[in-house]
């Protein structure tokens, strides 16, 4: 179980770095937002690693990605210059994708099953 938690958390952090780079591609982000993105995606990876839900891996990651992206999605709705609906939708969709990627690498590539 420790191997699974470690791998999923590391991939959550890596997804957080990618997410932060994508979010700051138009303009620099304040440090607080960078930290929020990194923490959110890292916690998502940790949650995927510790989860004991008995569902297929290809549904498990996206489902937890969606759930753990909700807080960041709602706070993203306050972004100036962007549609609130677009920010919420984009954050949730990317959370689903990151959840899938985290679960794919954790379960399929590194074979760290729950």
N, C-alpha and C. Protein backbone atom coordinates (compact mmCIF):
# COMPACT_ATOMS: atom_id res chain seq x y z
N UNK A 1 0.82 -1.20 0.00
CA UNK A 1 0.00 0.00 0.00
C UNK A 1 0.87 1.26 0.00
N UNK A 2 2.02 1.23 0.70
CA UNK A 2 2.89 2.40 0.76
C UNK A 2 3.44 2.78 -0.61
N UNK A 3 3.74 1.76 -1.43
CA UNK A 3 4.24 2.01 -2.78
C UNK A 3 3.17 2.76 -3.59
N UNK A 4 1.93 2.33 -3.49
CA UNK A 4 0.83 2.95 -4.23
C UNK A 4 0.65 4.42 -3.81
N UNK A 5 0.66 4.66 -2.53
CA UNK A 5 0.48 6.03 -2.02
C UNK A 5 1.61 6.93 -2.51
N UNK A 6 2.83 6.43 -2.43
CA UNK A 6 4.00 7.21 -2.85
C UNK A 6 3.93 7.55 -4.34
N UNK A 7 3.67 6.54 -5.16
CA UNK A 7 3.63 6.75 -6.61
C UNK A 7 2.51 7.72 -6.99
N UNK A 8 1.33 7.50 -6.44
CA UNK A 8 0.19 8.36 -6.77
C UNK A 8 0.44 9.81 -6.32
N UNK A 9 1.04 9.98 -5.16
CA UNK A 9 1.31 11.33 -4.65
C UNK A 9 2.36 12.03 -5.52
N UNK A 10 3.38 11.32 -5.91
CA UNK A 10 4.41 11.91 -6.79
C UNK A 10 3.80 12.31 -8.12
N UNK A 11 2.97 11.45 -8.69
CA UNK A 11 2.34 11.81 -9.96
C UNK A 11 1.33 12.93 -9.78
N UNK A 12 0.70 13.03 -8.62
CA UNK A 12 -0.16 14.17 -8.34
C UNK A 12 0.64 15.46 -8.33
N UNK A 13 1.81 15.43 -7.70
CA UNK A 13 2.69 16.59 -7.69
C UNK A 13 3.13 16.97 -9.11
N UNK A 14 3.51 15.96 -9.90
CA UNK A 14 3.92 16.23 -11.29
C UNK A 14 2.76 16.84 -12.09
N UNK A 15 1.56 16.32 -11.88
CA UNK A 15 0.39 16.91 -12.56
C UNK A 15 0.17 18.35 -12.08
N UNK A 16 0.46 18.60 -10.80
CA UNK A 16 0.36 19.96 -10.28
C UNK A 16 1.33 20.91 -10.96
N UNK A 17 2.54 20.44 -11.21
CA UNK A 17 3.53 21.27 -11.91
C UNK A 17 3.06 21.57 -13.32
N UNK A 18 2.56 20.54 -14.01
CA UNK A 18 2.04 20.74 -15.37
C UNK A 18 0.87 21.71 -15.35
N UNK A 19 -0.04 21.51 -14.41
CA UNK A 19 -1.22 22.38 -14.28
C UNK A 19 -0.80 23.82 -14.02
N UNK A 20 0.17 24.00 -13.14
CA UNK A 20 0.66 25.34 -12.82
C UNK A 20 1.29 26.01 -14.04
N UNK A 21 2.04 25.25 -14.81
CA UNK A 21 2.67 25.81 -16.02
C UNK A 21 1.60 26.19 -17.05
N UNK A 22 0.58 25.36 -17.20
CA UNK A 22 -0.50 25.68 -18.14
C UNK A 22 -1.28 26.92 -17.67
N UNK A 23 -1.52 27.00 -16.37
CA UNK A 23 -2.29 28.12 -15.84
C UNK A 23 -1.53 29.44 -15.95
N UNK A 24 -0.20 29.38 -15.91
CA UNK A 24 0.59 30.61 -15.97
C UNK A 24 1.11 30.89 -17.37
N UNK A 25 0.59 30.21 -18.38
CA UNK A 25 1.10 30.42 -19.74
C UNK A 25 0.74 31.79 -20.30
N UNK A 26 -0.36 32.39 -19.85
CA UNK A 26 -0.77 33.71 -20.35
C UNK A 26 -0.19 34.85 -19.53
N UNK A 27 -0.10 34.65 -18.24
CA UNK A 27 0.39 35.70 -17.34
C UNK A 27 0.94 35.04 -16.08
N UNK A 28 1.88 35.70 -15.41
CA UNK A 28 2.42 35.15 -14.17
C UNK A 28 1.31 35.01 -13.11
N UNK A 29 1.41 33.95 -12.32
CA UNK A 29 0.44 33.71 -11.25
C UNK A 29 1.00 34.15 -9.92
N UNK A 30 0.15 34.66 -9.03
CA UNK A 30 0.62 34.94 -7.67
C UNK A 30 1.04 33.64 -6.98
N UNK A 31 1.96 33.74 -6.05
CA UNK A 31 2.48 32.58 -5.35
C UNK A 31 1.37 31.77 -4.68
N UNK A 32 0.39 32.44 -4.11
CA UNK A 32 -0.70 31.73 -3.42
C UNK A 32 -1.47 30.82 -4.38
N UNK A 33 -1.67 31.26 -5.60
CA UNK A 33 -2.38 30.44 -6.57
C UNK A 33 -1.50 29.28 -7.02
N UNK A 34 -0.22 29.53 -7.21
CA UNK A 34 0.70 28.44 -7.56
C UNK A 34 0.69 27.36 -6.49
N UNK A 35 0.75 27.77 -5.24
CA UNK A 35 0.74 26.82 -4.14
C UNK A 35 -0.60 26.07 -4.06
N UNK A 36 -1.69 26.77 -4.33
CA UNK A 36 -3.00 26.13 -4.32
C UNK A 36 -3.07 25.04 -5.39
N UNK A 37 -2.57 25.33 -6.57
CA UNK A 37 -2.59 24.36 -7.66
C UNK A 37 -1.74 23.14 -7.29
N UNK A 38 -0.52 23.38 -6.82
CA UNK A 38 0.36 22.27 -6.44
C UNK A 38 -0.26 21.42 -5.32
N UNK A 39 -0.79 22.09 -4.31
CA UNK A 39 -1.39 21.36 -3.18
C UNK A 39 -2.61 20.57 -3.62
N UNK A 40 -3.45 21.17 -4.43
CA UNK A 40 -4.68 20.51 -4.88
C UNK A 40 -4.39 19.25 -5.67
N UNK A 41 -3.48 19.32 -6.61
CA UNK A 41 -3.17 18.15 -7.44
C UNK A 41 -2.39 17.10 -6.65
N UNK A 42 -1.55 17.53 -5.71
CA UNK A 42 -0.81 16.58 -4.88
C UNK A 42 -1.77 15.84 -3.95
N UNK A 43 -2.70 16.56 -3.33
CA UNK A 43 -3.69 15.92 -2.47
C UNK A 43 -4.57 14.96 -3.29
N UNK A 44 -4.89 15.34 -4.52
CA UNK A 44 -5.66 14.44 -5.38
C UNK A 44 -4.88 13.14 -5.59
N UNK A 45 -3.60 13.23 -5.88
CA UNK A 45 -2.79 12.03 -6.06
C UNK A 45 -2.74 11.20 -4.79
N UNK A 46 -2.59 11.84 -3.66
CA UNK A 46 -2.57 11.13 -2.38
C UNK A 46 -3.90 10.41 -2.15
N UNK A 47 -5.00 11.09 -2.43
CA UNK A 47 -6.33 10.49 -2.25
C UNK A 47 -6.53 9.29 -3.16
N UNK A 48 -6.05 9.40 -4.38
CA UNK A 48 -6.13 8.25 -5.30
C UNK A 48 -5.31 7.09 -4.73
N UNK A 49 -4.16 7.40 -4.16
CA UNK A 49 -3.30 6.37 -3.60
C UNK A 49 -3.90 5.67 -2.40
N UNK A 50 -4.62 6.38 -1.54
CA UNK A 50 -5.16 5.76 -0.32
C UNK A 50 -6.58 5.24 -0.50
N UNK A 51 -7.22 5.58 -1.58
CA UNK A 51 -8.62 5.18 -1.77
C UNK A 51 -8.77 3.66 -1.82
N UNK A 52 -9.83 3.18 -1.20
CA UNK A 52 -10.13 1.75 -1.23
C UNK A 52 -11.42 1.46 -1.99
N UNK A 53 -11.85 2.42 -2.80
CA UNK A 53 -13.04 2.19 -3.61
C UNK A 53 -12.79 1.01 -4.54
N UNK A 54 -13.72 0.13 -4.65
CA UNK A 54 -13.58 -1.06 -5.48
C UNK A 54 -14.25 -0.84 -6.83
N UNK A 55 -13.65 0.02 -7.64
CA UNK A 55 -14.13 0.27 -9.00
C UNK A 55 -12.95 0.17 -9.95
N UNK A 56 -13.24 0.04 -11.23
CA UNK A 56 -12.18 -0.08 -12.24
C UNK A 56 -11.25 1.13 -12.16
N UNK A 57 -9.95 0.88 -12.43
CA UNK A 57 -8.96 1.96 -12.33
C UNK A 57 -9.28 3.11 -13.27
N UNK A 58 -9.80 2.82 -14.46
CA UNK A 58 -10.05 3.86 -15.46
C UNK A 58 -11.24 4.73 -15.09
N UNK A 59 -12.01 4.33 -14.08
CA UNK A 59 -13.10 5.15 -13.56
C UNK A 59 -12.70 5.77 -12.22
N UNK A 60 -11.90 5.03 -11.45
CA UNK A 60 -11.47 5.47 -10.13
C UNK A 60 -10.72 6.80 -10.18
N UNK A 61 -9.69 6.88 -11.02
CA UNK A 61 -8.88 8.11 -11.12
C UNK A 61 -9.69 9.31 -11.57
N UNK A 62 -10.43 9.20 -12.68
CA UNK A 62 -11.23 10.34 -13.12
C UNK A 62 -12.29 10.78 -12.10
N UNK A 63 -12.91 9.82 -11.41
CA UNK A 63 -13.92 10.18 -10.42
C UNK A 63 -13.30 10.97 -9.28
N UNK A 64 -12.19 10.49 -8.75
CA UNK A 64 -11.53 11.23 -7.67
C UNK A 64 -10.94 12.54 -8.18
N UNK A 65 -10.47 12.54 -9.42
CA UNK A 65 -9.97 13.79 -10.02
C UNK A 65 -11.06 14.85 -10.08
N UNK A 66 -12.26 14.43 -10.46
CA UNK A 66 -13.40 15.36 -10.51
C UNK A 66 -13.74 15.88 -9.11
N UNK A 67 -13.85 14.97 -8.16
CA UNK A 67 -14.23 15.36 -6.80
C UNK A 67 -13.20 16.30 -6.19
N UNK A 68 -11.92 15.97 -6.33
CA UNK A 68 -10.88 16.78 -5.70
C UNK A 68 -10.56 18.06 -6.48
N UNK A 69 -11.14 18.23 -7.66
CA UNK A 69 -10.96 19.46 -8.42
C UNK A 69 -12.07 20.47 -8.15
N UNK A 70 -13.13 20.05 -7.49
CA UNK A 70 -14.24 20.97 -7.22
C UNK A 70 -13.83 22.22 -6.44
N UNK A 71 -13.09 22.11 -5.33
CA UNK A 71 -12.73 23.35 -4.61
C UNK A 71 -11.92 24.32 -5.48
N UNK A 72 -10.94 23.80 -6.21
CA UNK A 72 -10.13 24.68 -7.06
C UNK A 72 -10.97 25.24 -8.20
N UNK A 73 -11.91 24.44 -8.71
CA UNK A 73 -12.78 24.90 -9.78
C UNK A 73 -13.65 26.07 -9.34
N UNK A 74 -14.19 25.97 -8.12
CA UNK A 74 -15.03 27.06 -7.62
C UNK A 74 -14.21 28.32 -7.34
N UNK A 75 -13.01 28.15 -6.80
CA UNK A 75 -12.18 29.34 -6.56
C UNK A 75 -11.70 29.93 -7.89
N UNK A 76 -11.51 29.09 -8.90
CA UNK A 76 -11.10 29.58 -10.22
C UNK A 76 -12.16 30.42 -10.90
N UNK A 77 -13.39 30.29 -10.44
CA UNK A 77 -14.48 31.09 -11.02
C UNK A 77 -14.30 32.59 -10.75
N UNK A 78 -13.42 32.93 -9.82
CA UNK A 78 -13.18 34.33 -9.49
C UNK A 78 -12.09 34.96 -10.35
N UNK A 79 -11.51 34.21 -11.25
CA UNK A 79 -10.43 34.73 -12.09
C UNK A 79 -10.93 35.89 -12.95
N UNK A 80 -10.19 36.95 -12.93
CA UNK A 80 -10.56 38.15 -13.69
C UNK A 80 -10.21 37.93 -15.16
N UNK A 81 -11.13 38.27 -16.03
CA UNK A 81 -10.88 38.19 -17.46
C UNK A 81 -11.29 36.88 -18.09
N UNK A 82 -11.84 35.97 -17.30
CA UNK A 82 -12.28 34.68 -17.82
C UNK A 82 -13.72 34.43 -17.40
N UNK A 83 -14.44 33.70 -18.22
CA UNK A 83 -15.80 33.32 -17.88
C UNK A 83 -15.77 32.37 -16.68
N UNK A 84 -16.59 32.62 -15.66
CA UNK A 84 -16.62 31.72 -14.50
C UNK A 84 -17.00 30.28 -14.89
N UNK A 85 -17.94 30.13 -15.80
CA UNK A 85 -18.35 28.79 -16.23
C UNK A 85 -17.20 28.10 -16.95
N UNK A 86 -16.47 28.85 -17.77
CA UNK A 86 -15.34 28.26 -18.49
C UNK A 86 -14.26 27.82 -17.51
N UNK A 87 -13.96 28.65 -16.52
CA UNK A 87 -12.92 28.31 -15.54
C UNK A 87 -13.31 27.07 -14.74
N UNK A 88 -14.56 27.00 -14.31
CA UNK A 88 -15.02 25.83 -13.57
C UNK A 88 -14.93 24.58 -14.44
N UNK A 89 -15.45 24.68 -15.65
CA UNK A 89 -15.46 23.53 -16.57
C UNK A 89 -14.04 23.07 -16.90
N UNK A 90 -13.18 24.01 -17.23
CA UNK A 90 -11.80 23.65 -17.60
C UNK A 90 -11.08 23.00 -16.42
N UNK A 91 -11.27 23.51 -15.23
CA UNK A 91 -10.62 22.95 -14.05
C UNK A 91 -11.11 21.53 -13.78
N UNK A 92 -12.41 21.32 -13.91
CA UNK A 92 -12.96 19.98 -13.66
C UNK A 92 -12.52 18.98 -14.73
N UNK A 93 -12.53 19.41 -15.98
CA UNK A 93 -12.10 18.51 -17.06
C UNK A 93 -10.63 18.15 -16.89
N UNK A 94 -9.80 19.13 -16.57
CA UNK A 94 -8.39 18.83 -16.37
C UNK A 94 -8.19 17.93 -15.14
N UNK A 95 -9.01 18.11 -14.11
CA UNK A 95 -8.94 17.23 -12.95
C UNK A 95 -9.26 15.79 -13.31
N UNK A 96 -10.24 15.60 -14.17
CA UNK A 96 -10.59 14.26 -14.65
C UNK A 96 -9.41 13.66 -15.42
N UNK A 97 -8.80 14.47 -16.27
CA UNK A 97 -7.65 13.99 -17.05
C UNK A 97 -6.47 13.66 -16.14
N UNK A 98 -6.16 14.56 -15.21
CA UNK A 98 -5.05 14.30 -14.29
C UNK A 98 -5.32 13.06 -13.44
N UNK A 99 -6.55 12.90 -12.99
CA UNK A 99 -6.91 11.70 -12.22
C UNK A 99 -6.69 10.44 -13.01
N UNK A 100 -7.06 10.48 -14.29
CA UNK A 100 -6.85 9.32 -15.15
C UNK A 100 -5.35 9.03 -15.30
N UNK A 101 -4.58 10.07 -15.53
CA UNK A 101 -3.13 9.90 -15.72
C UNK A 101 -2.48 9.35 -14.45
N UNK A 102 -2.84 9.90 -13.30
CA UNK A 102 -2.28 9.44 -12.03
C UNK A 102 -2.60 7.95 -11.83
N UNK A 103 -3.86 7.60 -12.04
CA UNK A 103 -4.27 6.20 -11.85
C UNK A 103 -3.62 5.29 -12.89
N UNK A 104 -3.49 5.75 -14.11
CA UNK A 104 -2.86 4.96 -15.17
C UNK A 104 -1.42 4.60 -14.78
N UNK A 105 -0.66 5.59 -14.38
CA UNK A 105 0.74 5.32 -14.02
C UNK A 105 0.84 4.51 -12.74
N UNK A 106 -0.03 4.80 -11.77
CA UNK A 106 0.04 4.08 -10.50
C UNK A 106 -0.34 2.61 -10.66
N UNK A 107 -1.47 2.37 -11.30
CA UNK A 107 -2.02 1.01 -11.36
C UNK A 107 -1.49 0.19 -12.53
N UNK A 108 -1.41 0.80 -13.70
CA UNK A 108 -1.05 0.03 -14.89
C UNK A 108 0.46 -0.01 -15.11
N UNK A 109 1.10 1.15 -15.11
CA UNK A 109 2.53 1.20 -15.40
C UNK A 109 3.36 0.63 -14.24
N UNK A 110 3.10 1.11 -13.01
CA UNK A 110 3.88 0.66 -11.86
C UNK A 110 3.24 -0.51 -11.11
N UNK A 111 2.08 -0.92 -11.55
CA UNK A 111 1.38 -2.10 -11.00
C UNK A 111 1.23 -2.03 -9.48
N UNK A 112 0.93 -0.86 -8.96
CA UNK A 112 0.69 -0.68 -7.54
C UNK A 112 -0.82 -0.67 -7.30
N UNK A 113 -1.37 -1.85 -7.20
CA UNK A 113 -2.82 -1.99 -7.05
C UNK A 113 -3.21 -1.76 -5.60
N UNK A 114 -4.46 -1.37 -5.43
CA UNK A 114 -4.99 -1.08 -4.08
C UNK A 114 -5.11 -2.35 -3.26
